[in-house]
């Protein structure tokens, strides 16, 4: 809290006013003590003590590899899924990102991947076949024998998010055509045909009443 000087009357003791206001001192923390180191899967914890009032503050140390901060699709003939992950500098030269699509496994050394110039996130791109749009894509950061949690995504889930977002209506037509292509590929290659990625698109179209 702020401090001040109180002026009292020397004759009657009445408080006349306050003056000479001073800003609060604020905490002056000693060097932090790490209570628990952060790992790929679990956050750490550190503690700091104020040397003036002994107030103790506890803070969380982020996991060495955070969740996927964002992902996107690239459509230029081929279909690519792009992931952006936050990875701690302490392991970026030794860790790798393992991405699995169906029976295909891709391993990317973090140190050789694209780093976002504005932060500590890294971009990884994995190719996905048209028939695999409904397949679960598993992403995991591995550093030696230590492994982070498995994060799961799919192209069809992302496409459905886009279709639900009216602010992205200018690309809804493209996304619907992409899902139709994926459904046709599933049938042609007999890859998970019982769960067609364009099922919701077909259901929408059957609900449209033609004008007479």
N, C-alpha and C. Protein backbone atom coordinates (compact mmCIF):
# COMPACT_ATOMS: atom_id res chain seq x y z
N UNK A 1 0.84 -1.19 0.00
CA UNK A 1 0.00 0.00 0.00
C UNK A 1 0.87 1.25 0.00
N UNK A 2 0.26 2.37 -0.44
CA UNK A 2 0.98 3.63 -0.42
C UNK A 2 1.21 4.08 1.02
N UNK A 3 2.26 4.85 1.23
CA UNK A 3 2.52 5.44 2.53
C UNK A 3 2.33 6.95 2.46
N UNK A 4 2.20 7.60 3.62
CA UNK A 4 2.03 9.05 3.66
C UNK A 4 2.38 9.57 5.05
N UNK A 5 2.47 10.87 5.14
CA UNK A 5 2.74 11.53 6.41
C UNK A 5 1.46 12.18 6.92
N UNK A 6 1.12 11.93 8.17
CA UNK A 6 -0.08 12.53 8.77
C UNK A 6 0.32 13.73 9.62
N UNK A 7 -0.38 14.86 9.44
CA UNK A 7 -0.11 16.07 10.21
C UNK A 7 -1.23 16.28 11.23
N UNK A 8 -0.86 16.41 12.50
CA UNK A 8 -1.82 16.62 13.58
C UNK A 8 -1.61 18.00 14.20
N UNK A 9 -2.67 18.54 14.75
CA UNK A 9 -2.59 19.82 15.46
C UNK A 9 -1.86 19.59 16.79
N UNK A 10 -0.84 20.44 17.07
CA UNK A 10 -0.06 20.29 18.30
C UNK A 10 -0.87 20.67 19.54
N UNK A 11 -1.93 21.45 19.36
CA UNK A 11 -2.72 21.92 20.51
C UNK A 11 -3.84 20.96 20.88
N UNK A 12 -4.59 20.50 19.84
CA UNK A 12 -5.76 19.66 20.15
C UNK A 12 -5.63 18.22 19.67
N UNK A 13 -4.60 17.93 18.86
CA UNK A 13 -4.40 16.57 18.38
C UNK A 13 -5.26 16.17 17.21
N UNK A 14 -6.01 17.12 16.64
CA UNK A 14 -6.88 16.81 15.49
C UNK A 14 -6.04 16.55 14.24
N UNK A 15 -6.45 15.55 13.48
CA UNK A 15 -5.77 15.25 12.22
C UNK A 15 -6.07 16.35 11.22
N UNK A 16 -5.03 17.01 10.76
CA UNK A 16 -5.21 18.12 9.81
C UNK A 16 -5.24 17.59 8.37
N UNK A 17 -4.28 16.81 7.97
CA UNK A 17 -4.23 16.31 6.59
C UNK A 17 -3.15 15.24 6.47
N UNK A 18 -3.16 14.62 5.32
CA UNK A 18 -2.10 13.69 4.93
C UNK A 18 -1.32 14.33 3.78
N UNK A 19 -0.03 14.13 3.75
CA UNK A 19 0.78 14.67 2.67
C UNK A 19 1.99 13.76 2.44
N UNK A 20 2.78 14.14 1.45
CA UNK A 20 3.99 13.37 1.09
C UNK A 20 3.66 11.90 0.82
N UNK A 21 2.72 11.68 -0.09
CA UNK A 21 2.35 10.31 -0.45
C UNK A 21 3.52 9.61 -1.15
N UNK A 22 3.74 8.38 -0.82
CA UNK A 22 4.80 7.57 -1.42
C UNK A 22 4.20 6.30 -2.00
N UNK A 23 4.72 5.90 -3.14
CA UNK A 23 4.22 4.68 -3.78
C UNK A 23 4.55 3.45 -2.93
N UNK A 24 3.74 2.42 -3.12
CA UNK A 24 3.99 1.16 -2.42
C UNK A 24 5.37 0.62 -2.81
N UNK A 25 6.01 -0.04 -1.89
CA UNK A 25 7.36 -0.56 -2.14
C UNK A 25 7.35 -1.69 -3.16
N UNK A 26 6.27 -2.48 -3.17
CA UNK A 26 6.23 -3.64 -4.06
C UNK A 26 7.08 -4.77 -3.50
N UNK A 27 6.87 -5.96 -4.02
CA UNK A 27 7.65 -7.11 -3.54
C UNK A 27 9.06 -7.08 -4.11
N UNK A 28 9.98 -7.55 -3.36
CA UNK A 28 11.37 -7.71 -3.81
C UNK A 28 11.73 -9.18 -3.63
N UNK A 29 11.60 -9.92 -4.73
CA UNK A 29 11.74 -11.37 -4.64
C UNK A 29 13.20 -11.81 -4.65
N UNK A 30 13.48 -12.82 -3.85
CA UNK A 30 14.79 -13.46 -3.88
C UNK A 30 14.86 -14.38 -5.09
N UNK A 31 16.01 -14.99 -5.31
CA UNK A 31 16.16 -15.90 -6.44
C UNK A 31 15.15 -17.04 -6.33
N UNK A 32 14.50 -17.39 -7.45
CA UNK A 32 13.49 -18.45 -7.40
C UNK A 32 14.10 -19.81 -7.08
N UNK A 33 13.29 -20.64 -6.43
CA UNK A 33 13.68 -22.01 -6.11
C UNK A 33 12.78 -22.95 -6.92
N UNK A 34 13.37 -23.83 -7.70
CA UNK A 34 12.61 -24.77 -8.51
C UNK A 34 12.17 -25.93 -7.63
N UNK A 35 10.86 -26.06 -7.44
CA UNK A 35 10.33 -27.15 -6.63
C UNK A 35 10.19 -28.43 -7.44
N UNK A 36 9.86 -28.27 -8.73
CA UNK A 36 9.69 -29.43 -9.60
C UNK A 36 10.04 -29.03 -11.03
N UNK A 37 10.96 -29.76 -11.63
CA UNK A 37 11.37 -29.48 -13.00
C UNK A 37 10.23 -29.82 -13.97
N UNK A 38 10.10 -29.04 -15.02
CA UNK A 38 9.12 -29.34 -16.06
C UNK A 38 9.61 -30.48 -16.93
N UNK A 39 8.68 -31.28 -17.42
CA UNK A 39 9.01 -32.37 -18.34
C UNK A 39 8.19 -32.18 -19.62
N UNK A 40 8.30 -33.14 -20.53
CA UNK A 40 7.51 -33.06 -21.75
C UNK A 40 6.02 -33.20 -21.45
N UNK A 41 5.68 -33.96 -20.43
CA UNK A 41 4.28 -34.26 -20.16
C UNK A 41 3.69 -33.46 -19.00
N UNK A 42 4.53 -33.00 -18.04
CA UNK A 42 4.04 -32.34 -16.84
C UNK A 42 4.70 -30.98 -16.65
N UNK A 43 3.91 -29.97 -16.23
CA UNK A 43 4.52 -28.67 -15.92
C UNK A 43 5.33 -28.74 -14.64
N UNK A 44 6.28 -27.83 -14.50
CA UNK A 44 7.07 -27.75 -13.28
C UNK A 44 6.51 -26.68 -12.35
N UNK A 45 7.25 -26.40 -11.27
CA UNK A 45 6.78 -25.42 -10.30
C UNK A 45 7.99 -24.75 -9.64
N UNK A 46 7.91 -23.43 -9.52
CA UNK A 46 8.97 -22.71 -8.82
C UNK A 46 8.36 -21.81 -7.76
N UNK A 47 9.18 -21.41 -6.79
CA UNK A 47 8.71 -20.62 -5.65
C UNK A 47 9.63 -19.43 -5.44
N UNK A 48 9.05 -18.26 -5.16
CA UNK A 48 9.82 -17.07 -4.87
C UNK A 48 9.34 -16.47 -3.55
N UNK A 49 10.29 -15.95 -2.75
CA UNK A 49 9.95 -15.35 -1.45
C UNK A 49 10.37 -13.89 -1.44
N UNK A 50 9.48 -13.03 -0.96
CA UNK A 50 9.78 -11.61 -0.87
C UNK A 50 10.68 -11.36 0.34
N UNK A 51 11.79 -10.65 0.11
CA UNK A 51 12.74 -10.38 1.19
C UNK A 51 12.24 -9.31 2.16
N UNK A 52 11.17 -8.60 1.79
CA UNK A 52 10.68 -7.52 2.64
C UNK A 52 9.54 -7.97 3.56
N UNK A 53 8.67 -8.83 3.05
CA UNK A 53 7.50 -9.22 3.85
C UNK A 53 7.32 -10.72 3.97
N UNK A 54 8.22 -11.51 3.36
CA UNK A 54 8.19 -12.98 3.42
C UNK A 54 7.00 -13.58 2.67
N UNK A 55 6.36 -12.79 1.82
CA UNK A 55 5.28 -13.34 1.00
C UNK A 55 5.86 -14.37 0.03
N UNK A 56 5.18 -15.50 -0.10
CA UNK A 56 5.66 -16.59 -0.97
C UNK A 56 4.74 -16.71 -2.18
N UNK A 57 5.33 -16.66 -3.35
CA UNK A 57 4.57 -16.80 -4.59
C UNK A 57 5.03 -18.06 -5.32
N UNK A 58 4.07 -18.86 -5.76
CA UNK A 58 4.36 -20.09 -6.49
C UNK A 58 3.91 -19.92 -7.94
N UNK A 59 4.75 -20.29 -8.87
CA UNK A 59 4.45 -20.17 -10.29
C UNK A 59 4.64 -21.51 -10.99
N UNK A 60 3.87 -21.68 -12.08
CA UNK A 60 3.99 -22.90 -12.87
C UNK A 60 5.01 -22.71 -13.98
N UNK A 61 5.84 -23.72 -14.18
CA UNK A 61 6.78 -23.73 -15.30
C UNK A 61 6.13 -24.53 -16.43
N UNK A 62 5.94 -23.93 -17.61
CA UNK A 62 5.25 -24.64 -18.70
C UNK A 62 5.96 -25.94 -19.08
N UNK A 63 5.20 -26.88 -19.60
CA UNK A 63 5.78 -28.12 -20.12
C UNK A 63 6.83 -27.80 -21.17
N UNK A 64 7.80 -28.65 -21.32
CA UNK A 64 8.84 -28.44 -22.32
C UNK A 64 8.25 -28.45 -23.73
N UNK A 65 7.17 -29.17 -23.91
CA UNK A 65 6.46 -29.16 -25.19
C UNK A 65 5.00 -28.87 -24.91
N UNK A 66 4.50 -27.75 -25.41
CA UNK A 66 3.11 -27.40 -25.19
C UNK A 66 2.19 -28.07 -26.18
N UNK A 67 0.90 -27.83 -26.03
CA UNK A 67 -0.07 -28.37 -26.97
C UNK A 67 0.09 -27.70 -28.33
N UNK A 68 -0.52 -28.31 -29.33
CA UNK A 68 -0.50 -27.71 -30.66
C UNK A 68 -1.19 -26.35 -30.57
N UNK A 69 -0.47 -25.29 -30.93
CA UNK A 69 -1.01 -23.94 -30.85
C UNK A 69 -1.90 -23.61 -32.05
N UNK A 70 -1.75 -24.35 -33.11
CA UNK A 70 -2.57 -24.09 -34.29
C UNK A 70 -2.27 -25.12 -35.36
N UNK A 71 -3.22 -25.28 -36.27
CA UNK A 71 -2.95 -26.16 -37.40
C UNK A 71 -3.79 -25.70 -38.58
N UNK A 72 -3.37 -26.10 -39.77
CA UNK A 72 -4.03 -25.63 -40.99
C UNK A 72 -3.84 -26.66 -42.09
N UNK A 73 -4.54 -26.42 -43.20
CA UNK A 73 -4.43 -27.29 -44.37
C UNK A 73 -3.80 -26.53 -45.51
N UNK A 74 -3.01 -27.22 -46.30
CA UNK A 74 -2.46 -26.64 -47.52
C UNK A 74 -2.97 -27.45 -48.70
N UNK A 75 -3.67 -26.79 -49.63
CA UNK A 75 -4.23 -27.46 -50.80
C UNK A 75 -3.59 -26.88 -52.06
N UNK A 76 -2.60 -27.59 -52.56
CA UNK A 76 -1.98 -27.21 -53.84
C UNK A 76 -1.72 -28.50 -54.62
N UNK A 77 -2.79 -29.17 -55.00
CA UNK A 77 -2.65 -30.47 -55.64
C UNK A 77 -2.57 -31.56 -54.59
N UNK A 78 -1.57 -31.47 -53.70
CA UNK A 78 -1.46 -32.41 -52.59
C UNK A 78 -2.16 -31.82 -51.37
N UNK A 79 -2.51 -32.70 -50.42
CA UNK A 79 -3.13 -32.28 -49.18
C UNK A 79 -2.10 -32.41 -48.06
N UNK A 80 -1.77 -31.30 -47.42
CA UNK A 80 -0.81 -31.30 -46.32
C UNK A 80 -1.46 -30.71 -45.08
N UNK A 81 -1.14 -31.30 -43.94
CA UNK A 81 -1.60 -30.78 -42.65
C UNK A 81 -0.42 -30.14 -41.94
N UNK A 82 -0.59 -28.90 -41.50
CA UNK A 82 0.48 -28.15 -40.85
C UNK A 82 0.18 -28.00 -39.36
N UNK A 83 1.13 -28.37 -38.52
CA UNK A 83 1.00 -28.23 -37.08
C UNK A 83 1.99 -27.20 -36.57
N UNK A 84 1.59 -26.42 -35.57
CA UNK A 84 2.49 -25.48 -34.92
C UNK A 84 2.53 -25.80 -33.43
N UNK A 85 3.70 -26.18 -32.93
CA UNK A 85 3.86 -26.56 -31.53
C UNK A 85 4.87 -25.65 -30.84
N UNK A 86 4.65 -25.41 -29.55
CA UNK A 86 5.63 -24.70 -28.73
C UNK A 86 6.55 -25.73 -28.10
N UNK A 87 7.85 -25.54 -28.27
CA UNK A 87 8.84 -26.48 -27.75
C UNK A 87 9.95 -25.69 -27.07
N UNK A 88 10.32 -26.09 -25.87
CA UNK A 88 11.31 -25.38 -25.08
C UNK A 88 12.67 -25.41 -25.76
N UNK A 89 13.39 -24.28 -25.67
CA UNK A 89 14.72 -24.19 -26.29
C UNK A 89 15.70 -25.20 -25.73
N UNK A 90 15.48 -25.64 -24.49
CA UNK A 90 16.42 -26.56 -23.85
C UNK A 90 16.44 -27.94 -24.51
N UNK A 91 15.38 -28.28 -25.24
CA UNK A 91 15.34 -29.61 -25.86
C UNK A 91 15.20 -29.53 -27.37
N UNK A 92 15.14 -28.32 -27.93
CA UNK A 92 14.83 -28.22 -29.36
C UNK A 92 15.90 -28.84 -30.25
N UNK A 93 17.14 -28.96 -29.76
CA UNK A 93 18.20 -29.54 -30.58
C UNK A 93 18.25 -31.06 -30.49
N UNK A 94 17.55 -31.64 -29.52
CA UNK A 94 17.60 -33.10 -29.34
C UNK A 94 16.25 -33.78 -29.52
N UNK A 95 15.17 -33.01 -29.42
CA UNK A 95 13.82 -33.60 -29.49
C UNK A 95 13.39 -33.80 -30.95
N UNK A 96 12.39 -34.63 -31.12
CA UNK A 96 11.79 -34.81 -32.43
C UNK A 96 10.28 -34.92 -32.28
N UNK A 97 9.58 -34.56 -33.32
CA UNK A 97 8.12 -34.67 -33.34
C UNK A 97 7.75 -35.88 -34.18
N UNK A 98 6.95 -36.75 -33.60
CA UNK A 98 6.52 -37.98 -34.28
C UNK A 98 5.06 -37.82 -34.64
N UNK A 99 4.75 -37.91 -35.93
CA UNK A 99 3.38 -37.78 -36.42
C UNK A 99 3.00 -39.07 -37.13
N UNK A 100 1.87 -39.64 -36.73
CA UNK A 100 1.41 -40.91 -37.31
C UNK A 100 0.07 -40.70 -38.00
N UNK A 101 -0.02 -41.15 -39.26
CA UNK A 101 -1.26 -41.13 -40.03
C UNK A 101 -1.49 -42.54 -40.56
N UNK A 102 -2.55 -43.20 -40.06
CA UNK A 102 -2.82 -44.59 -40.44
C UNK A 102 -1.59 -45.43 -40.08
N UNK A 103 -0.96 -46.07 -41.06
CA UNK A 103 0.21 -46.90 -40.78
C UNK A 103 1.52 -46.17 -41.10
N UNK A 104 1.44 -44.90 -41.44
CA UNK A 104 2.61 -44.13 -41.81
C UNK A 104 3.09 -43.28 -40.62
N UNK A 105 4.39 -43.34 -40.34
CA UNK A 105 4.98 -42.57 -39.25
C UNK A 105 6.04 -41.62 -39.80
N UNK A 106 5.93 -40.36 -39.41
CA UNK A 106 6.86 -39.33 -39.86
C UNK A 106 7.60 -38.79 -38.63
N UNK A 107 8.92 -38.68 -38.72
CA UNK A 107 9.73 -38.16 -37.62
C UNK A 107 10.45 -36.89 -38.08
N UNK A 108 10.29 -35.83 -37.31
CA UNK A 108 10.87 -34.55 -37.67
C UNK A 108 11.78 -34.04 -36.55
N UNK A 109 13.08 -33.90 -36.80
CA UNK A 109 13.95 -33.28 -35.79
C UNK A 109 13.52 -31.82 -35.58
N UNK A 110 13.34 -31.44 -34.33
CA UNK A 110 12.84 -30.09 -34.06
C UNK A 110 13.81 -29.03 -34.55
N UNK A 111 15.10 -29.25 -34.33
CA UNK A 111 16.09 -28.25 -34.69
C UNK A 111 16.15 -27.93 -36.17
N UNK A 112 15.63 -28.82 -37.02
CA UNK A 112 15.68 -28.60 -38.46
C UNK A 112 14.34 -28.15 -39.03
N UNK A 113 13.39 -27.82 -38.15
CA UNK A 113 12.06 -27.42 -38.60
C UNK A 113 11.92 -25.91 -38.58
N UNK A 114 10.86 -25.45 -39.23
CA UNK A 114 10.61 -24.02 -39.32
C UNK A 114 10.20 -23.46 -37.96
N UNK A 115 10.87 -22.40 -37.53
CA UNK A 115 10.53 -21.76 -36.26
C UNK A 115 9.85 -20.42 -36.53
N UNK A 116 8.77 -20.18 -35.78
CA UNK A 116 8.04 -18.93 -35.89
C UNK A 116 8.92 -17.80 -35.38
N UNK A 117 9.17 -16.81 -36.22
CA UNK A 117 10.06 -15.72 -35.82
C UNK A 117 9.49 -14.90 -34.68
N UNK A 118 8.17 -14.95 -34.49
CA UNK A 118 7.53 -14.13 -33.45
C UNK A 118 7.43 -14.84 -32.11
N UNK A 119 7.83 -16.09 -32.01
CA UNK A 119 7.68 -16.81 -30.74
C UNK A 119 8.55 -18.04 -30.68
N UNK A 120 8.17 -18.99 -29.81
CA UNK A 120 8.98 -20.20 -29.63
C UNK A 120 8.25 -21.42 -30.16
N UNK A 121 7.43 -21.25 -31.19
CA UNK A 121 6.70 -22.37 -31.77
C UNK A 121 7.37 -22.82 -33.07
N UNK A 122 7.16 -24.09 -33.40
CA UNK A 122 7.77 -24.70 -34.58
C UNK A 122 6.67 -25.29 -35.46
N UNK A 123 6.89 -25.24 -36.76
CA UNK A 123 5.89 -25.71 -37.72
C UNK A 123 6.34 -27.03 -38.33
N UNK A 124 5.39 -27.98 -38.39
CA UNK A 124 5.65 -29.30 -38.97
C UNK A 124 4.55 -29.60 -39.98
N UNK A 125 4.93 -30.15 -41.12
CA UNK A 125 3.97 -30.44 -42.18
C UNK A 125 4.01 -31.92 -42.53
N UNK A 126 2.82 -32.53 -42.62
CA UNK A 126 2.74 -33.96 -42.92
C UNK A 126 1.76 -34.15 -44.07
N UNK A 127 2.11 -34.98 -45.07
CA UNK A 127 1.18 -35.23 -46.19
C UNK A 127 0.09 -36.21 -45.77
N UNK A 128 -1.12 -35.96 -46.27
CA UNK A 128 -2.26 -36.84 -45.99
C UNK A 128 -2.93 -37.18 -47.31
N UNK A 129 -3.13 -38.47 -47.57
CA UNK A 129 -3.82 -38.89 -48.79
C UNK A 129 -5.31 -38.55 -48.68
N UNK A 130 -5.96 -38.40 -49.84
CA UNK A 130 -7.38 -38.04 -49.85
C UNK A 130 -8.22 -39.04 -49.06
N UNK A 131 -7.90 -40.32 -49.19
CA UNK A 131 -8.68 -41.35 -48.49
C UNK A 131 -8.45 -41.33 -46.99
N UNK A 132 -7.44 -40.59 -46.52
CA UNK A 132 -7.10 -40.56 -45.09
C UNK A 132 -7.68 -39.34 -44.37
N UNK A 133 -8.58 -38.61 -45.00
CA UNK A 133 -9.12 -37.40 -44.38
C UNK A 133 -9.84 -37.69 -43.07
N UNK A 134 -10.38 -38.88 -42.92
CA UNK A 134 -11.08 -39.23 -41.69
C UNK A 134 -10.20 -39.92 -40.68
N UNK A 135 -8.97 -40.23 -41.04
CA UNK A 135 -8.06 -40.93 -40.13
C UNK A 135 -7.58 -40.01 -39.01
N UNK A 136 -7.32 -40.58 -37.86
CA UNK A 136 -6.78 -39.83 -36.74
C UNK A 136 -5.29 -39.58 -36.95
N UNK A 137 -4.90 -38.33 -36.82
CA UNK A 137 -3.49 -37.94 -36.93
C UNK A 137 -2.97 -37.76 -35.50
N UNK A 138 -1.95 -38.53 -35.14
CA UNK A 138 -1.40 -38.48 -33.78
C UNK A 138 -0.08 -37.71 -33.80
N UNK A 139 0.05 -36.76 -32.88
CA UNK A 139 1.24 -35.92 -32.78
C UNK A 139 1.83 -36.07 -31.39
N UNK A 140 3.14 -36.29 -31.31
CA UNK A 140 3.80 -36.48 -30.02
C UNK A 140 5.23 -35.95 -30.09
N UNK A 141 5.67 -35.28 -29.03
CA UNK A 141 7.05 -34.81 -28.93
C UNK A 141 7.84 -35.83 -28.11
N UNK A 142 8.98 -36.25 -28.64
CA UNK A 142 9.82 -37.26 -27.98
C UNK A 142 11.22 -36.70 -27.82
N UNK A 143 11.79 -36.88 -26.64
CA UNK A 143 13.18 -36.46 -26.39
C UNK A 143 13.89 -37.59 -25.65
N UNK A 144 14.66 -38.38 -26.38
CA UNK A 144 15.31 -39.54 -25.79
C UNK A 144 14.26 -40.56 -25.36
N UNK A 145 14.29 -40.95 -24.08
CA UNK A 145 13.31 -41.91 -23.57
C UNK A 145 12.06 -41.23 -23.02
N UNK A 146 12.06 -39.91 -23.01
CA UNK A 146 10.91 -39.17 -22.48
C UNK A 146 9.97 -38.79 -23.62
N UNK A 147 8.68 -38.96 -23.39
CA UNK A 147 7.69 -38.66 -24.43
C UNK A 147 6.55 -37.84 -23.83
N UNK A 148 6.09 -36.88 -24.58
CA UNK A 148 4.96 -36.07 -24.16
C UNK A 148 3.65 -36.75 -24.48
N UNK A 149 2.53 -36.11 -24.13
CA UNK A 149 1.21 -36.70 -24.41
C UNK A 149 0.94 -36.75 -25.90
N UNK A 150 0.10 -37.70 -26.30
CA UNK A 150 -0.30 -37.84 -27.70
C UNK A 150 -1.48 -36.92 -27.97
N UNK A 151 -1.33 -36.05 -28.98
CA UNK A 151 -2.41 -35.14 -29.37
C UNK A 151 -3.02 -35.65 -30.67
N UNK A 152 -4.34 -35.64 -30.77
CA UNK A 152 -5.03 -36.24 -31.92
C UNK A 152 -5.83 -35.20 -32.70
N UNK A 153 -5.79 -35.33 -34.03
CA UNK A 153 -6.51 -34.44 -34.93
C UNK A 153 -6.95 -35.24 -36.14
N UNK A 154 -7.77 -34.63 -36.98
CA UNK A 154 -8.12 -35.23 -38.26
C UNK A 154 -8.52 -34.13 -39.23
N UNK A 155 -8.36 -34.40 -40.50
CA UNK A 155 -8.72 -33.42 -41.53
C UNK A 155 -10.22 -33.14 -41.51
N UNK A 156 -11.03 -34.20 -41.35
CA UNK A 156 -12.48 -34.01 -41.40
C UNK A 156 -12.96 -33.16 -40.22
N UNK A 157 -12.36 -33.31 -39.05
CA UNK A 157 -12.75 -32.48 -37.91
C UNK A 157 -12.45 -31.01 -38.18
N UNK A 158 -11.29 -30.76 -38.74
CA UNK A 158 -10.91 -29.38 -39.06
C UNK A 158 -11.84 -28.80 -40.12
N UNK A 159 -12.16 -29.62 -41.13
CA UNK A 159 -13.07 -29.17 -42.19
C UNK A 159 -14.44 -28.83 -41.62
N UNK A 160 -14.92 -29.63 -40.70
CA UNK A 160 -16.22 -29.37 -40.10
C UNK A 160 -16.21 -28.08 -39.27
N UNK A 161 -15.08 -27.78 -38.63
CA UNK A 161 -14.96 -26.52 -37.90
C UNK A 161 -15.07 -25.34 -38.85
N UNK A 162 -14.44 -25.47 -40.01
CA UNK A 162 -14.50 -24.39 -41.00
C UNK A 162 -15.94 -24.20 -41.48
N UNK A 163 -16.63 -25.30 -41.74
CA UNK A 163 -18.01 -25.21 -42.24
C UNK A 163 -18.96 -24.61 -41.21
N UNK A 164 -18.65 -24.76 -39.93
CA UNK A 164 -19.49 -24.17 -38.88
C UNK A 164 -19.21 -22.67 -38.67
N UNK A 165 -18.10 -22.20 -39.20
CA UNK A 165 -17.70 -20.80 -39.01
C UNK A 165 -18.21 -19.96 -40.18
N UNK A 166 -19.25 -19.16 -39.94
CA UNK A 166 -19.84 -18.36 -41.00
C UNK A 166 -18.91 -17.27 -41.50
N UNK A 167 -17.93 -16.89 -40.69
CA UNK A 167 -16.98 -15.87 -41.15
C UNK A 167 -16.04 -16.42 -42.23
N UNK A 168 -16.04 -17.75 -42.41
CA UNK A 168 -15.20 -18.37 -43.44
C UNK A 168 -16.04 -18.91 -44.58
N UNK A 169 -17.21 -18.32 -44.78
CA UNK A 169 -18.14 -18.83 -45.80
C UNK A 169 -17.58 -18.77 -47.21
N UNK A 170 -16.59 -17.91 -47.45
CA UNK A 170 -16.04 -17.81 -48.80
C UNK A 170 -15.29 -19.06 -49.21
N UNK A 171 -14.87 -19.90 -48.23
CA UNK A 171 -14.15 -21.13 -48.59
C UNK A 171 -14.97 -22.39 -48.30
N UNK A 172 -16.26 -22.22 -47.94
CA UNK A 172 -17.10 -23.39 -47.65
C UNK A 172 -17.25 -24.29 -48.88
N UNK A 173 -17.41 -23.67 -50.05
CA UNK A 173 -17.56 -24.47 -51.27
C UNK A 173 -16.35 -25.34 -51.53
N UNK A 174 -15.17 -24.77 -51.35
CA UNK A 174 -13.93 -25.53 -51.56
C UNK A 174 -13.84 -26.69 -50.57
N UNK A 175 -14.19 -26.44 -49.30
CA UNK A 175 -14.10 -27.48 -48.28
C UNK A 175 -15.08 -28.62 -48.58
N UNK A 176 -16.29 -28.28 -49.03
CA UNK A 176 -17.27 -29.33 -49.37
C UNK A 176 -16.75 -30.20 -50.52
N UNK A 177 -16.19 -29.55 -51.54
CA UNK A 177 -15.64 -30.32 -52.67
C UNK A 177 -14.48 -31.21 -52.20
N UNK A 178 -13.67 -30.70 -51.26
CA UNK A 178 -12.56 -31.50 -50.73
C UNK A 178 -13.09 -32.74 -50.02
N UNK A 179 -14.16 -32.59 -49.23
CA UNK A 179 -14.73 -33.73 -48.52
C UNK A 179 -15.37 -34.72 -49.49
N UNK A 180 -15.99 -34.22 -50.55
CA UNK A 180 -16.55 -35.14 -51.57
C UNK A 180 -15.44 -35.96 -52.21
N UNK A 181 -14.33 -35.29 -52.49
CA UNK A 181 -13.18 -35.99 -53.06
C UNK A 181 -12.66 -37.06 -52.09
N UNK A 182 -12.61 -36.71 -50.78
CA UNK A 182 -12.16 -37.67 -49.79
C UNK A 182 -13.09 -38.86 -49.68
N UNK A 183 -14.40 -38.62 -49.72
CA UNK A 183 -15.37 -39.72 -49.67
C UNK A 183 -15.24 -40.64 -50.87
N UNK A 184 -15.05 -40.06 -52.06
CA UNK A 184 -14.89 -40.87 -53.26
C UNK A 184 -13.61 -41.69 -53.19
N UNK A 185 -12.54 -41.11 -52.64
CA UNK A 185 -11.27 -41.83 -52.52
C UNK A 185 -11.40 -42.99 -51.53
N UNK A 186 -12.15 -42.77 -50.44
CA UNK A 186 -12.37 -43.86 -49.48
C UNK A 186 -13.06 -45.04 -50.15
N UNK A 187 -14.06 -44.75 -50.97
CA UNK A 187 -14.79 -45.82 -51.66
C UNK A 187 -13.91 -46.52 -52.67
N UNK A 188 -13.18 -45.75 -53.46
CA UNK A 188 -12.36 -46.31 -54.53
C UNK A 188 -11.25 -47.20 -53.96
N UNK A 189 -10.58 -46.73 -52.89
CA UNK A 189 -9.47 -47.48 -52.31
C UNK A 189 -9.92 -48.40 -51.17
N UNK A 190 -11.23 -48.44 -50.91
CA UNK A 190 -11.79 -49.27 -49.85
C UNK A 190 -11.08 -49.01 -48.52
N UNK A 191 -10.88 -47.72 -48.22
CA UNK A 191 -10.20 -47.32 -46.99
C UNK A 191 -11.23 -46.70 -46.04
N UNK A 192 -11.59 -47.44 -45.01
CA UNK A 192 -12.56 -46.98 -44.01
C UNK A 192 -13.86 -46.47 -44.68
N UNK A 193 -14.42 -47.24 -45.62
CA UNK A 193 -15.61 -46.76 -46.35
C UNK A 193 -16.85 -46.68 -45.49
N UNK A 194 -16.86 -47.36 -44.33
CA UNK A 194 -18.05 -47.32 -43.47
C UNK A 194 -18.20 -45.97 -42.75
N UNK A 195 -17.16 -45.14 -42.78
CA UNK A 195 -17.22 -43.80 -42.17
C UNK A 195 -16.82 -42.74 -43.19
N UNK A 196 -17.65 -42.51 -44.19
CA UNK A 196 -17.31 -41.55 -45.25
C UNK A 196 -17.20 -40.13 -44.70
N UNK A 197 -16.16 -39.42 -45.11
CA UNK A 197 -15.94 -38.07 -44.59
C UNK A 197 -16.95 -37.07 -45.14
N UNK A 198 -17.64 -37.43 -46.22
CA UNK A 198 -18.63 -36.51 -46.81
C UNK A 198 -20.05 -36.87 -46.40
N UNK A 199 -20.21 -37.67 -45.35
CA UNK A 199 -21.56 -38.08 -44.93
C UNK A 199 -22.41 -36.89 -44.56
N UNK A 200 -21.85 -35.93 -43.82
CA UNK A 200 -22.61 -34.75 -43.42
C UNK A 200 -22.98 -33.89 -44.62
N UNK A 201 -22.09 -33.84 -45.61
CA UNK A 201 -22.37 -33.06 -46.82
C UNK A 201 -23.55 -33.67 -47.56
N UNK A 202 -23.55 -34.99 -47.70
CA UNK A 202 -24.65 -35.68 -48.40
C UNK A 202 -25.96 -35.48 -47.66
N UNK A 203 -25.91 -35.51 -46.32
CA UNK A 203 -27.12 -35.32 -45.52
C UNK A 203 -27.67 -33.91 -45.70
N UNK A 204 -26.79 -32.91 -45.78
CA UNK A 204 -27.23 -31.53 -46.01
C UNK A 204 -27.97 -31.42 -47.34
N UNK A 205 -27.39 -32.04 -48.37
CA UNK A 205 -27.97 -31.90 -49.70
C UNK A 205 -29.32 -32.60 -49.83
N UNK A 206 -29.55 -33.69 -49.08
CA UNK A 206 -30.85 -34.37 -49.15
C UNK A 206 -31.95 -33.56 -48.48
N UNK A 207 -31.54 -32.59 -47.63
CA UNK A 207 -32.52 -31.77 -46.94
C UNK A 207 -32.93 -30.55 -47.75
N UNK A 208 -32.24 -30.30 -48.85
CA UNK A 208 -32.57 -29.16 -49.71
C UNK A 208 -33.81 -29.50 -50.54
N UNK A 209 -34.85 -28.71 -50.44
CA UNK A 209 -36.09 -28.94 -51.20
C UNK A 209 -35.99 -28.18 -52.52
N UNK A 210 -36.05 -28.89 -53.67
CA UNK A 210 -35.93 -28.21 -54.97
C UNK A 210 -37.15 -27.34 -55.23
N UNK A 211 -36.93 -26.22 -55.91
CA UNK A 211 -38.03 -25.33 -56.26
C UNK A 211 -38.77 -25.89 -57.45
N UNK A 212 -40.11 -25.78 -57.42
CA UNK A 212 -40.94 -26.29 -58.51
C UNK A 212 -41.01 -25.27 -59.64
